[in-house]
Amino acid sequence: MNEKFFDLKREKQDRMINAGLKVFAKNGYRHATTDDIVKEAGISKGLLFHYFTNKVGVYVFLMDYSVRFLLLELSRNVKKDTISFFELCKQMEYGKLQVLKNYPYMQAFLDKAFEEICLEALEECEEQKEVYKNKIEEYFAQVSDFEFKNGTDLVQMKNLIGYVIKGITVENMNLDTMQPENMYHQVCEYIDMLGRSY
């Protein structure tokens, strides 16, 4: 990536970032095209390639940017003394909400990236994925002693909430209505419901 990308006006940077996030989130790496990205961003292909050499360059930049941006917001919103599993999940979702206000497709992009099977994309992004996974595991380690009312396994509950979040994200993405506030409230309703039951 050309470092001069960050010299662009913030509005144009965000337009290009959001276009890439949306196109890759909806299509995956293999089926996403730079034509789709420039059309979504309302820019010329020449401009895109001035800052990013090719499709993989855009993808790698978005992966790195997403991991850094999301982990920064989580660090601001997750309290280190949180010992309740359900409270931790809500704090993490609030951190994600702050990200999605600017980049509505960032979580969907990351979800899709973790399912990616295209070798070109996999090889280039392995390090960022590890950084992200390790930090998320650190947060859940804070509540490793949390006991559910009926002895439910922590990993199973974490997976269950992950499925809920992914389902809500995919539903909104398919309707093309990424509304972070509404998605956050929907997720919190499910977390609260599970908290009362478990």
N, C-alpha and C. Protein backbone atom coordinates (compact mmCIF):
# COMPACT_ATOMS: atom_id res chain seq x y z
N MET A 1 0.84 -1.20 0.00
CA MET A 1 0.00 0.00 0.00
C MET A 1 0.87 1.25 0.00
N ASN A 2 0.44 2.23 -0.70
CA ASN A 2 1.10 3.52 -0.76
C ASN A 2 0.70 4.32 0.49
N GLU A 3 1.68 4.70 1.31
CA GLU A 3 1.39 5.41 2.56
C GLU A 3 0.65 6.73 2.33
N LYS A 4 0.73 7.24 1.10
CA LYS A 4 0.06 8.51 0.80
C LYS A 4 -1.47 8.36 0.85
N PHE A 5 -1.94 7.11 0.94
CA PHE A 5 -3.38 6.89 1.09
C PHE A 5 -3.91 7.69 2.27
N PHE A 6 -3.12 7.76 3.34
CA PHE A 6 -3.56 8.45 4.55
C PHE A 6 -3.46 9.97 4.42
N ASP A 7 -2.91 10.44 3.30
CA ASP A 7 -2.92 11.88 3.03
C ASP A 7 -4.23 12.33 2.38
N LEU A 8 -5.01 11.35 1.89
CA LEU A 8 -6.32 11.68 1.32
C LEU A 8 -7.23 12.27 2.39
N LYS A 9 -8.22 13.01 1.97
CA LYS A 9 -9.23 13.48 2.92
C LYS A 9 -9.89 12.28 3.57
N ARG A 10 -10.21 12.43 4.85
CA ARG A 10 -10.77 11.31 5.62
C ARG A 10 -12.04 10.74 4.96
N GLU A 11 -12.84 11.62 4.41
CA GLU A 11 -14.10 11.17 3.78
C GLU A 11 -13.81 10.22 2.62
N LYS A 12 -12.78 10.52 1.82
CA LYS A 12 -12.45 9.67 0.68
C LYS A 12 -11.81 8.37 1.15
N GLN A 13 -10.96 8.45 2.16
CA GLN A 13 -10.39 7.23 2.74
C GLN A 13 -11.51 6.29 3.19
N ASP A 14 -12.44 6.85 3.97
CA ASP A 14 -13.52 6.02 4.52
C ASP A 14 -14.42 5.46 3.42
N ARG A 15 -14.63 6.24 2.37
CA ARG A 15 -15.45 5.76 1.26
C ARG A 15 -14.79 4.55 0.60
N MET A 16 -13.48 4.62 0.41
CA MET A 16 -12.76 3.51 -0.21
C MET A 16 -12.70 2.30 0.73
N ILE A 17 -12.45 2.57 2.00
CA ILE A 17 -12.41 1.47 2.98
C ILE A 17 -13.77 0.79 3.07
N ASN A 18 -14.82 1.59 3.21
CA ASN A 18 -16.16 1.00 3.33
C ASN A 18 -16.57 0.23 2.08
N ALA A 19 -16.18 0.73 0.92
CA ALA A 19 -16.50 0.02 -0.32
C ALA A 19 -15.81 -1.34 -0.34
N GLY A 20 -14.54 -1.37 0.02
CA GLY A 20 -13.81 -2.64 0.05
C GLY A 20 -14.37 -3.60 1.07
N LEU A 21 -14.67 -3.10 2.26
CA LEU A 21 -15.23 -3.95 3.31
C LEU A 21 -16.54 -4.58 2.85
N LYS A 22 -17.39 -3.76 2.25
CA LYS A 22 -18.71 -4.25 1.81
C LYS A 22 -18.58 -5.30 0.71
N VAL A 23 -17.77 -5.00 -0.29
CA VAL A 23 -17.64 -5.92 -1.43
C VAL A 23 -17.03 -7.25 -0.99
N PHE A 24 -15.98 -7.22 -0.18
CA PHE A 24 -15.37 -8.46 0.28
C PHE A 24 -16.29 -9.21 1.26
N ALA A 25 -17.01 -8.47 2.11
CA ALA A 25 -17.92 -9.11 3.07
C ALA A 25 -19.04 -9.85 2.34
N LYS A 26 -19.53 -9.25 1.28
CA LYS A 26 -20.67 -9.86 0.56
C LYS A 26 -20.23 -10.96 -0.39
N ASN A 27 -19.04 -10.85 -0.96
CA ASN A 27 -18.65 -11.77 -2.03
C ASN A 27 -17.51 -12.72 -1.69
N GLY A 28 -16.81 -12.46 -0.60
CA GLY A 28 -15.60 -13.24 -0.33
C GLY A 28 -14.48 -12.78 -1.25
N TYR A 29 -13.27 -13.22 -0.96
CA TYR A 29 -12.12 -12.74 -1.74
C TYR A 29 -12.22 -13.14 -3.21
N ARG A 30 -12.50 -14.41 -3.46
CA ARG A 30 -12.47 -14.92 -4.84
C ARG A 30 -13.43 -14.20 -5.77
N HIS A 31 -14.63 -13.90 -5.28
CA HIS A 31 -15.66 -13.34 -6.15
C HIS A 31 -15.74 -11.80 -6.10
N ALA A 32 -15.00 -11.19 -5.20
CA ALA A 32 -14.96 -9.73 -5.15
C ALA A 32 -14.09 -9.23 -6.31
N THR A 33 -14.45 -8.10 -6.87
CA THR A 33 -13.63 -7.54 -7.95
C THR A 33 -13.30 -6.08 -7.63
N THR A 34 -12.18 -5.65 -8.18
CA THR A 34 -11.82 -4.24 -7.99
C THR A 34 -12.82 -3.34 -8.72
N ASP A 35 -13.43 -3.87 -9.79
CA ASP A 35 -14.48 -3.09 -10.48
C ASP A 35 -15.64 -2.80 -9.53
N ASP A 36 -16.04 -3.82 -8.76
CA ASP A 36 -17.13 -3.62 -7.79
C ASP A 36 -16.73 -2.60 -6.71
N ILE A 37 -15.48 -2.67 -6.28
CA ILE A 37 -15.01 -1.77 -5.22
C ILE A 37 -15.02 -0.32 -5.70
N VAL A 38 -14.48 -0.08 -6.90
CA VAL A 38 -14.43 1.31 -7.39
C VAL A 38 -15.83 1.84 -7.67
N LYS A 39 -16.71 0.97 -8.14
CA LYS A 39 -18.10 1.40 -8.39
C LYS A 39 -18.77 1.77 -7.08
N GLU A 40 -18.59 0.94 -6.06
CA GLU A 40 -19.18 1.21 -4.74
C GLU A 40 -18.60 2.48 -4.13
N ALA A 41 -17.30 2.70 -4.33
CA ALA A 41 -16.63 3.87 -3.73
C ALA A 41 -16.85 5.13 -4.55
N GLY A 42 -17.25 4.99 -5.81
CA GLY A 42 -17.43 6.15 -6.67
C GLY A 42 -16.11 6.79 -7.04
N ILE A 43 -15.10 5.94 -7.31
CA ILE A 43 -13.77 6.45 -7.69
C ILE A 43 -13.33 5.75 -8.97
N SER A 44 -12.22 6.19 -9.52
CA SER A 44 -11.69 5.55 -10.73
C SER A 44 -10.81 4.36 -10.32
N LYS A 45 -10.68 3.41 -11.24
CA LYS A 45 -9.82 2.26 -10.98
C LYS A 45 -8.36 2.71 -10.84
N GLY A 46 -8.00 3.73 -11.63
CA GLY A 46 -6.64 4.25 -11.55
C GLY A 46 -6.30 4.76 -10.16
N LEU A 47 -7.28 5.41 -9.52
CA LEU A 47 -7.05 5.92 -8.17
C LEU A 47 -6.84 4.77 -7.19
N LEU A 48 -7.66 3.74 -7.30
CA LEU A 48 -7.52 2.59 -6.41
C LEU A 48 -6.13 1.98 -6.57
N PHE A 49 -5.71 1.79 -7.83
CA PHE A 49 -4.42 1.15 -8.07
C PHE A 49 -3.24 2.08 -7.79
N HIS A 50 -3.51 3.37 -7.68
CA HIS A 50 -2.45 4.29 -7.27
C HIS A 50 -2.04 4.02 -5.82
N TYR A 51 -3.01 3.63 -5.01
CA TYR A 51 -2.74 3.38 -3.59
C TYR A 51 -2.55 1.90 -3.26
N PHE A 52 -3.20 1.04 -4.02
CA PHE A 52 -3.12 -0.40 -3.78
C PHE A 52 -2.76 -1.08 -5.10
N THR A 53 -1.73 -1.88 -5.10
CA THR A 53 -1.22 -2.47 -6.34
C THR A 53 -2.23 -3.35 -7.05
N ASN A 54 -3.00 -4.13 -6.28
CA ASN A 54 -3.93 -5.08 -6.87
C ASN A 54 -4.99 -5.47 -5.82
N LYS A 55 -5.82 -6.43 -6.16
CA LYS A 55 -6.91 -6.84 -5.27
C LYS A 55 -6.38 -7.35 -3.93
N VAL A 56 -5.34 -8.17 -3.98
CA VAL A 56 -4.80 -8.70 -2.73
C VAL A 56 -4.25 -7.57 -1.85
N GLY A 57 -3.69 -6.53 -2.49
CA GLY A 57 -3.20 -5.38 -1.72
C GLY A 57 -4.31 -4.67 -0.97
N VAL A 58 -5.45 -4.52 -1.64
CA VAL A 58 -6.62 -3.92 -0.97
C VAL A 58 -7.06 -4.80 0.19
N TYR A 59 -7.14 -6.09 -0.05
CA TYR A 59 -7.62 -7.05 0.96
C TYR A 59 -6.72 -7.06 2.19
N VAL A 60 -5.42 -7.14 1.96
CA VAL A 60 -4.46 -7.17 3.07
C VAL A 60 -4.55 -5.88 3.89
N PHE A 61 -4.64 -4.74 3.19
CA PHE A 61 -4.78 -3.47 3.89
C PHE A 61 -6.04 -3.48 4.76
N LEU A 62 -7.16 -3.92 4.19
CA LEU A 62 -8.42 -3.93 4.94
C LEU A 62 -8.36 -4.86 6.14
N MET A 63 -7.69 -5.98 5.98
CA MET A 63 -7.55 -6.92 7.10
C MET A 63 -6.74 -6.28 8.22
N ASP A 64 -5.62 -5.70 7.88
CA ASP A 64 -4.76 -5.07 8.88
C ASP A 64 -5.48 -3.89 9.54
N TYR A 65 -6.12 -3.07 8.74
CA TYR A 65 -6.83 -1.90 9.25
C TYR A 65 -7.97 -2.32 10.17
N SER A 66 -8.72 -3.34 9.76
CA SER A 66 -9.86 -3.80 10.55
C SER A 66 -9.43 -4.36 11.89
N VAL A 67 -8.40 -5.19 11.88
CA VAL A 67 -7.91 -5.79 13.13
C VAL A 67 -7.43 -4.69 14.07
N ARG A 68 -6.64 -3.77 13.57
CA ARG A 68 -6.11 -2.69 14.42
C ARG A 68 -7.24 -1.81 14.97
N PHE A 69 -8.15 -1.42 14.10
CA PHE A 69 -9.22 -0.51 14.49
C PHE A 69 -10.17 -1.16 15.49
N LEU A 70 -10.54 -2.40 15.23
CA LEU A 70 -11.47 -3.08 16.13
C LEU A 70 -10.83 -3.36 17.48
N LEU A 71 -9.59 -3.83 17.49
CA LEU A 71 -8.93 -4.11 18.76
C LEU A 71 -8.71 -2.83 19.57
N LEU A 72 -8.46 -1.72 18.89
CA LEU A 72 -8.32 -0.44 19.60
C LEU A 72 -9.62 -0.08 20.31
N GLU A 73 -10.74 -0.20 19.61
CA GLU A 73 -12.03 0.13 20.24
C GLU A 73 -12.38 -0.85 21.35
N LEU A 74 -12.04 -2.11 21.20
CA LEU A 74 -12.29 -3.06 22.28
C LEU A 74 -11.46 -2.70 23.51
N SER A 75 -10.22 -2.29 23.29
CA SER A 75 -9.36 -1.93 24.43
C SER A 75 -9.92 -0.73 25.19
N ARG A 76 -10.65 0.14 24.49
CA ARG A 76 -11.25 1.30 25.13
C ARG A 76 -12.54 0.97 25.88
N ASN A 77 -13.20 -0.12 25.50
CA ASN A 77 -14.53 -0.39 26.03
C ASN A 77 -14.66 -1.63 26.90
N VAL A 78 -13.68 -2.51 26.87
CA VAL A 78 -13.73 -3.71 27.71
C VAL A 78 -12.94 -3.44 28.98
N LYS A 79 -13.64 -3.56 30.12
CA LYS A 79 -12.99 -3.31 31.41
C LYS A 79 -12.21 -4.55 31.85
N LYS A 80 -11.00 -4.32 32.34
CA LYS A 80 -10.13 -5.43 32.73
C LYS A 80 -10.61 -6.17 33.96
N ASP A 81 -11.50 -5.55 34.73
CA ASP A 81 -11.98 -6.21 35.96
C ASP A 81 -13.34 -6.90 35.75
N THR A 82 -13.77 -7.01 34.51
CA THR A 82 -15.06 -7.67 34.22
C THR A 82 -14.91 -9.17 34.43
N ILE A 83 -15.79 -9.72 35.28
CA ILE A 83 -15.72 -11.16 35.54
C ILE A 83 -17.01 -11.88 35.11
N SER A 84 -18.02 -11.13 34.72
CA SER A 84 -19.26 -11.73 34.23
C SER A 84 -19.15 -11.97 32.73
N PHE A 85 -19.40 -13.19 32.31
CA PHE A 85 -19.35 -13.54 30.90
C PHE A 85 -20.28 -12.67 30.08
N PHE A 86 -21.52 -12.52 30.54
CA PHE A 86 -22.51 -11.79 29.77
C PHE A 86 -22.19 -10.29 29.72
N GLU A 87 -21.66 -9.76 30.81
CA GLU A 87 -21.27 -8.35 30.81
C GLU A 87 -20.09 -8.13 29.87
N LEU A 88 -19.15 -9.06 29.85
CA LEU A 88 -18.02 -8.97 28.93
C LEU A 88 -18.51 -8.95 27.49
N CYS A 89 -19.44 -9.83 27.16
CA CYS A 89 -19.97 -9.88 25.79
C CYS A 89 -20.61 -8.55 25.41
N LYS A 90 -21.35 -7.95 26.33
CA LYS A 90 -22.00 -6.67 26.03
C LYS A 90 -20.97 -5.56 25.86
N GLN A 91 -19.92 -5.57 26.67
CA GLN A 91 -18.86 -4.56 26.52
C GLN A 91 -18.17 -4.72 25.16
N MET A 92 -17.93 -5.96 24.76
CA MET A 92 -17.29 -6.20 23.47
C MET A 92 -18.20 -5.74 22.33
N GLU A 93 -19.48 -6.00 22.46
CA GLU A 93 -20.41 -5.56 21.42
C GLU A 93 -20.52 -4.03 21.37
N TYR A 94 -20.39 -3.38 22.53
CA TYR A 94 -20.42 -1.92 22.54
C TYR A 94 -19.18 -1.37 21.83
N GLY A 95 -18.03 -2.01 22.05
CA GLY A 95 -16.81 -1.61 21.35
C GLY A 95 -16.97 -1.77 19.85
N LYS A 96 -17.58 -2.89 19.43
CA LYS A 96 -17.82 -3.12 18.01
C LYS A 96 -18.78 -2.08 17.45
N LEU A 97 -19.77 -1.71 18.25
CA LEU A 97 -20.73 -0.69 17.80
C LEU A 97 -20.01 0.60 17.43
N GLN A 98 -19.03 0.99 18.23
CA GLN A 98 -18.29 2.23 17.95
C GLN A 98 -17.58 2.14 16.60
N VAL A 99 -17.09 0.93 16.29
CA VAL A 99 -16.43 0.71 15.00
C VAL A 99 -17.44 0.76 13.86
N LEU A 100 -18.57 0.06 14.05
CA LEU A 100 -19.54 -0.09 12.97
C LEU A 100 -20.26 1.22 12.64
N LYS A 101 -20.21 2.19 13.54
CA LYS A 101 -20.78 3.51 13.22
C LYS A 101 -20.05 4.13 12.04
N ASN A 102 -18.75 3.89 11.95
CA ASN A 102 -17.94 4.42 10.84
C ASN A 102 -17.79 3.41 9.71
N TYR A 103 -17.72 2.13 10.08
CA TYR A 103 -17.45 1.08 9.11
C TYR A 103 -18.46 -0.06 9.30
N PRO A 104 -19.68 0.11 8.78
CA PRO A 104 -20.77 -0.84 9.05
C PRO A 104 -20.48 -2.29 8.64
N TYR A 105 -19.60 -2.49 7.68
CA TYR A 105 -19.34 -3.85 7.20
C TYR A 105 -18.06 -4.46 7.76
N MET A 106 -17.41 -3.80 8.72
CA MET A 106 -16.13 -4.28 9.19
C MET A 106 -16.24 -5.64 9.87
N GLN A 107 -17.23 -5.83 10.74
CA GLN A 107 -17.36 -7.13 11.41
C GLN A 107 -17.72 -8.21 10.41
N ALA A 108 -18.60 -7.89 9.47
CA ALA A 108 -18.97 -8.87 8.43
C ALA A 108 -17.75 -9.24 7.58
N PHE A 109 -16.90 -8.26 7.30
CA PHE A 109 -15.67 -8.51 6.55
C PHE A 109 -14.77 -9.47 7.32
N LEU A 110 -14.59 -9.22 8.62
CA LEU A 110 -13.73 -10.10 9.42
C LEU A 110 -14.31 -11.50 9.52
N ASP A 111 -15.62 -11.59 9.71
CA ASP A 111 -16.26 -12.91 9.76
C ASP A 111 -15.99 -13.68 8.47
N LYS A 112 -16.17 -13.02 7.35
CA LYS A 112 -15.94 -13.65 6.04
C LYS A 112 -14.46 -14.02 5.89
N ALA A 113 -13.57 -13.16 6.35
CA ALA A 113 -12.13 -13.41 6.22
C ALA A 113 -11.72 -14.67 6.99
N PHE A 114 -12.37 -14.92 8.13
CA PHE A 114 -12.02 -16.10 8.93
C PHE A 114 -12.57 -17.38 8.30
N GLU A 115 -13.47 -17.25 7.33
CA GLU A 115 -13.99 -18.42 6.61
C GLU A 115 -13.29 -18.59 5.26
N GLU A 116 -12.43 -17.67 4.91
CA GLU A 116 -11.82 -17.61 3.58
C GLU A 116 -11.03 -18.88 3.28
N ILE A 117 -11.17 -19.38 2.05
CA ILE A 117 -10.43 -20.58 1.64
C ILE A 117 -9.47 -20.30 0.49
N CYS A 118 -9.53 -19.13 -0.08
CA CYS A 118 -8.64 -18.78 -1.19
C CYS A 118 -7.21 -18.61 -0.67
N LEU A 119 -6.28 -19.40 -1.19
CA LEU A 119 -4.91 -19.42 -0.67
C LEU A 119 -4.24 -18.05 -0.72
N GLU A 120 -4.45 -17.32 -1.79
CA GLU A 120 -3.83 -16.00 -1.94
C GLU A 120 -4.18 -15.11 -0.75
N ALA A 121 -5.46 -15.11 -0.37
CA ALA A 121 -5.91 -14.28 0.75
C ALA A 121 -5.47 -14.87 2.08
N LEU A 122 -5.51 -16.20 2.19
CA LEU A 122 -5.14 -16.86 3.45
C LEU A 122 -3.70 -16.60 3.83
N GLU A 123 -2.80 -16.77 2.87
CA GLU A 123 -1.37 -16.64 3.15
C GLU A 123 -1.00 -15.23 3.58
N GLU A 124 -1.62 -14.25 2.97
CA GLU A 124 -1.26 -12.86 3.23
C GLU A 124 -1.79 -12.34 4.57
N CYS A 125 -2.81 -13.00 5.11
CA CYS A 125 -3.49 -12.43 6.29
C CYS A 125 -3.38 -13.28 7.55
N GLU A 126 -2.56 -14.31 7.51
CA GLU A 126 -2.48 -15.23 8.64
C GLU A 126 -2.05 -14.52 9.93
N GLU A 127 -1.08 -13.64 9.82
CA GLU A 127 -0.55 -12.95 11.01
C GLU A 127 -1.62 -12.08 11.67
N GLN A 128 -2.36 -11.31 10.87
CA GLN A 128 -3.41 -10.45 11.43
C GLN A 128 -4.50 -11.29 12.10
N LYS A 129 -4.85 -12.41 11.49
CA LYS A 129 -5.88 -13.27 12.07
C LYS A 129 -5.44 -13.79 13.44
N GLU A 130 -4.17 -14.18 13.54
CA GLU A 130 -3.65 -14.68 14.82
C GLU A 130 -3.68 -13.60 15.89
N VAL A 131 -3.29 -12.39 15.52
CA VAL A 131 -3.31 -11.27 16.47
C VAL A 131 -4.73 -11.07 16.99
N TYR A 132 -5.70 -11.07 16.08
CA TYR A 132 -7.10 -10.87 16.44
C TYR A 132 -7.60 -12.00 17.35
N LYS A 133 -7.39 -13.24 16.93
CA LYS A 133 -7.87 -14.38 17.71
C LYS A 133 -7.26 -14.40 19.11
N ASN A 134 -5.96 -14.14 19.20
CA ASN A 134 -5.29 -14.16 20.50
C ASN A 134 -5.83 -13.09 21.44
N LYS A 135 -6.10 -11.91 20.91
CA LYS A 135 -6.62 -10.83 21.77
C LYS A 135 -8.03 -11.14 22.23
N ILE A 136 -8.85 -11.68 21.36
CA ILE A 136 -10.21 -12.05 21.76
C ILE A 136 -10.16 -13.13 22.85
N GLU A 137 -9.26 -14.09 22.69
CA GLU A 137 -9.10 -15.13 23.72
C GLU A 137 -8.65 -14.53 25.05
N GLU A 138 -7.81 -13.51 24.99
CA GLU A 138 -7.38 -12.84 26.23
C GLU A 138 -8.58 -12.25 26.96
N TYR A 139 -9.49 -11.64 26.21
CA TYR A 139 -10.67 -11.06 26.85
C TYR A 139 -11.51 -12.15 27.51
N PHE A 140 -11.71 -13.25 26.82
CA PHE A 140 -12.52 -14.32 27.40
C PHE A 140 -11.82 -15.02 28.56
N ALA A 141 -10.48 -14.93 28.61
CA ALA A 141 -9.75 -15.50 29.74
C ALA A 141 -10.10 -14.78 31.04
N GLN A 142 -10.54 -13.51 30.93
CA GLN A 142 -10.94 -12.74 32.12
C GLN A 142 -12.10 -13.42 32.85
N VAL A 143 -12.94 -14.14 32.11
CA VAL A 143 -14.15 -14.72 32.71
C VAL A 143 -14.08 -16.25 32.71
N SER A 144 -12.88 -16.81 32.66
CA SER A 144 -12.73 -18.26 32.57
C SER A 144 -13.30 -18.99 33.78
N ASP A 145 -13.42 -18.29 34.92
CA ASP A 145 -13.97 -18.92 36.13
C ASP A 145 -15.47 -18.67 36.29
N PHE A 146 -16.07 -17.97 35.31
CA PHE A 146 -17.50 -17.67 35.42
C PHE A 146 -18.31 -18.96 35.39
N GLU A 147 -19.26 -19.08 36.30
CA GLU A 147 -20.08 -20.29 36.37
C GLU A 147 -21.50 -19.97 35.95
N PHE A 148 -21.99 -20.73 34.99
CA PHE A 148 -23.37 -20.59 34.56
C PHE A 148 -24.27 -21.35 35.53
N LYS A 149 -25.52 -20.92 35.61
CA LYS A 149 -26.46 -21.49 36.59
C LYS A 149 -26.61 -23.00 36.45
N ASN A 150 -26.58 -23.49 35.23
CA ASN A 150 -26.82 -24.92 35.03
C ASN A 150 -25.58 -25.68 34.59
N GLY A 151 -24.41 -25.09 34.80
CA GLY A 151 -23.16 -25.78 34.46
C GLY A 151 -22.82 -25.79 32.98
N THR A 152 -23.43 -24.92 32.20
CA THR A 152 -23.14 -24.84 30.76
C THR A 152 -21.66 -24.54 30.54
N ASP A 153 -21.10 -25.13 29.50
CA ASP A 153 -19.70 -24.95 29.16
C ASP A 153 -19.46 -23.56 28.57
N LEU A 154 -18.39 -22.89 29.01
CA LEU A 154 -18.05 -21.54 28.56
C LEU A 154 -17.86 -21.48 27.04
N VAL A 155 -17.17 -22.45 26.50
CA VAL A 155 -16.90 -22.45 25.06
C VAL A 155 -18.20 -22.58 24.27
N GLN A 156 -19.11 -23.44 24.75
CA GLN A 156 -20.39 -23.60 24.06
C GLN A 156 -21.20 -22.30 24.09
N MET A 157 -21.20 -21.63 25.24
CA MET A 157 -21.96 -20.38 25.35
C MET A 157 -21.33 -19.30 24.47
N LYS A 158 -20.01 -19.26 24.44
CA LYS A 158 -19.32 -18.29 23.58
C LYS A 158 -19.69 -18.55 22.12
N ASN A 159 -19.71 -19.82 21.72
CA ASN A 159 -20.09 -20.17 20.35
C ASN A 159 -21.54 -19.80 20.06
N LEU A 160 -22.42 -20.05 21.03
CA LEU A 160 -23.84 -19.74 20.85
C LEU A 160 -24.04 -18.24 20.61
N ILE A 161 -23.40 -17.42 21.42
CA ILE A 161 -23.52 -15.97 21.25
C ILE A 161 -22.88 -15.55 19.92
N GLY A 162 -21.80 -16.19 19.55
CA GLY A 162 -21.17 -15.91 18.26
C GLY A 162 -22.11 -16.21 17.10
N TYR A 163 -22.86 -17.30 17.20
CA TYR A 163 -23.84 -17.64 16.14
C TYR A 163 -24.95 -16.60 16.07
N VAL A 164 -25.39 -16.14 17.23
CA VAL A 164 -26.44 -15.11 17.27
C VAL A 164 -25.94 -13.83 16.58
N ILE A 165 -24.75 -13.39 16.95
CA ILE A 165 -24.18 -12.16 16.39
C ILE A 165 -24.01 -12.31 14.88
N LYS A 166 -23.46 -13.45 14.46
CA LYS A 166 -23.25 -13.66 13.03
C LYS A 166 -24.58 -13.69 12.29
N GLY A 167 -25.58 -14.34 12.87
CA GLY A 167 -26.90 -14.41 12.24
C GLY A 167 -27.51 -13.04 12.05
N ILE A 168 -27.43 -12.21 13.08
CA ILE A 168 -27.97 -10.85 13.00
C ILE A 168 -27.20 -10.03 11.95
N THR A 169 -25.89 -10.20 11.93
CA THR A 169 -25.05 -9.48 10.95
C THR A 169 -25.41 -9.89 9.53
N VAL A 170 -25.49 -11.19 9.29
CA VAL A 170 -25.80 -11.68 7.94
C VAL A 170 -27.20 -11.25 7.51
N GLU A 171 -28.15 -11.33 8.43
CA GLU A 171 -29.52 -10.90 8.12
C GLU A 171 -29.56 -9.45 7.67
N ASN A 172 -28.87 -8.59 8.40
CA ASN A 172 -28.83 -7.16 8.05
C ASN A 172 -28.07 -6.93 6.76
N MET A 173 -27.01 -7.68 6.55
CA MET A 173 -26.22 -7.51 5.33
C MET A 173 -27.03 -7.95 4.11
N ASN A 174 -27.76 -9.04 4.24
CA ASN A 174 -28.57 -9.52 3.12
C ASN A 174 -29.68 -8.54 2.76
N LEU A 175 -30.19 -7.84 3.77
CA LEU A 175 -31.22 -6.84 3.52
C LEU A 175 -30.63 -5.50 3.10
N ASP A 176 -29.28 -5.43 3.13
CA ASP A 176 -28.56 -4.19 2.81
C ASP A 176 -28.97 -3.06 3.74
N THR A 177 -29.17 -3.42 5.03
CA THR A 177 -29.60 -2.42 6.02
C THR A 177 -28.68 -2.46 7.24
N MET A 178 -27.40 -2.29 7.03
CA MET A 178 -26.47 -2.34 8.15
C MET A 178 -26.71 -1.12 9.05
N GLN A 179 -27.45 -1.35 10.14
CA GLN A 179 -27.76 -0.30 11.10
C GLN A 179 -27.16 -0.68 12.44
N PRO A 180 -25.93 -0.22 12.70
CA PRO A 180 -25.19 -0.67 13.88
C PRO A 180 -25.94 -0.55 15.20
N GLU A 181 -26.63 0.57 15.42
CA GLU A 181 -27.35 0.74 16.70
C GLU A 181 -28.40 -0.34 16.88
N ASN A 182 -29.19 -0.59 15.83
CA ASN A 182 -30.23 -1.61 15.91
C ASN A 182 -29.63 -3.00 16.11
N MET A 183 -28.55 -3.27 15.40
CA MET A 183 -27.90 -4.57 15.53
C MET A 183 -27.37 -4.76 16.94
N TYR A 184 -26.77 -3.71 17.50
CA TYR A 184 -26.25 -3.77 18.87
C TYR A 184 -27.37 -4.07 19.86
N HIS A 185 -28.50 -3.38 19.73
CA HIS A 185 -29.61 -3.61 20.66
C HIS A 185 -30.19 -5.02 20.50
N GLN A 186 -30.26 -5.49 19.27
CA GLN A 186 -30.73 -6.86 19.04
C GLN A 186 -29.82 -7.87 19.73
N VAL A 187 -28.52 -7.72 19.54
CA VAL A 187 -27.56 -8.65 20.15
C VAL A 187 -27.67 -8.59 21.67
N CYS A 188 -27.76 -7.38 22.23
CA CYS A 188 -27.85 -7.24 23.69
C CYS A 188 -29.12 -7.88 24.25
N GLU A 189 -30.20 -7.82 23.50
CA GLU A 189 -31.44 -8.48 23.94
C GLU A 189 -31.22 -9.98 24.07
N TYR A 190 -30.53 -10.58 23.10
CA TYR A 190 -30.24 -12.01 23.18
C TYR A 190 -29.29 -12.32 24.32
N ILE A 191 -28.26 -11.49 24.49
CA ILE A 191 -27.31 -11.71 25.59
C ILE A 191 -28.03 -11.63 26.93
N ASP A 192 -28.91 -10.64 27.10
CA ASP A 192 -29.67 -10.52 28.35
C ASP A 192 -30.59 -11.73 28.56
N MET A 193 -31.23 -12.18 27.49
CA MET A 193 -32.11 -13.34 27.59
C MET A 193 -31.33 -14.58 28.04
N LEU A 194 -30.17 -14.77 27.42
CA LEU A 194 -29.33 -15.91 27.81
C LEU A 194 -28.83 -15.75 29.24
N GLY A 195 -28.49 -14.52 29.63
CA GLY A 195 -28.03 -14.26 30.98
C GLY A 195 -29.09 -14.62 32.02
N ARG A 196 -30.35 -14.34 31.71
CA ARG A 196 -31.43 -14.70 32.65
C ARG A 196 -31.64 -16.21 32.71
N SER A 197 -31.36 -16.88 31.61
CA SER A 197 -31.62 -18.33 31.55
C SER A 197 -30.45 -19.17 32.04
N TYR A 198 -29.24 -18.65 31.91
CA TYR A 198 -28.08 -19.44 32.25
C TYR A 198 -27.27 -18.84 33.39
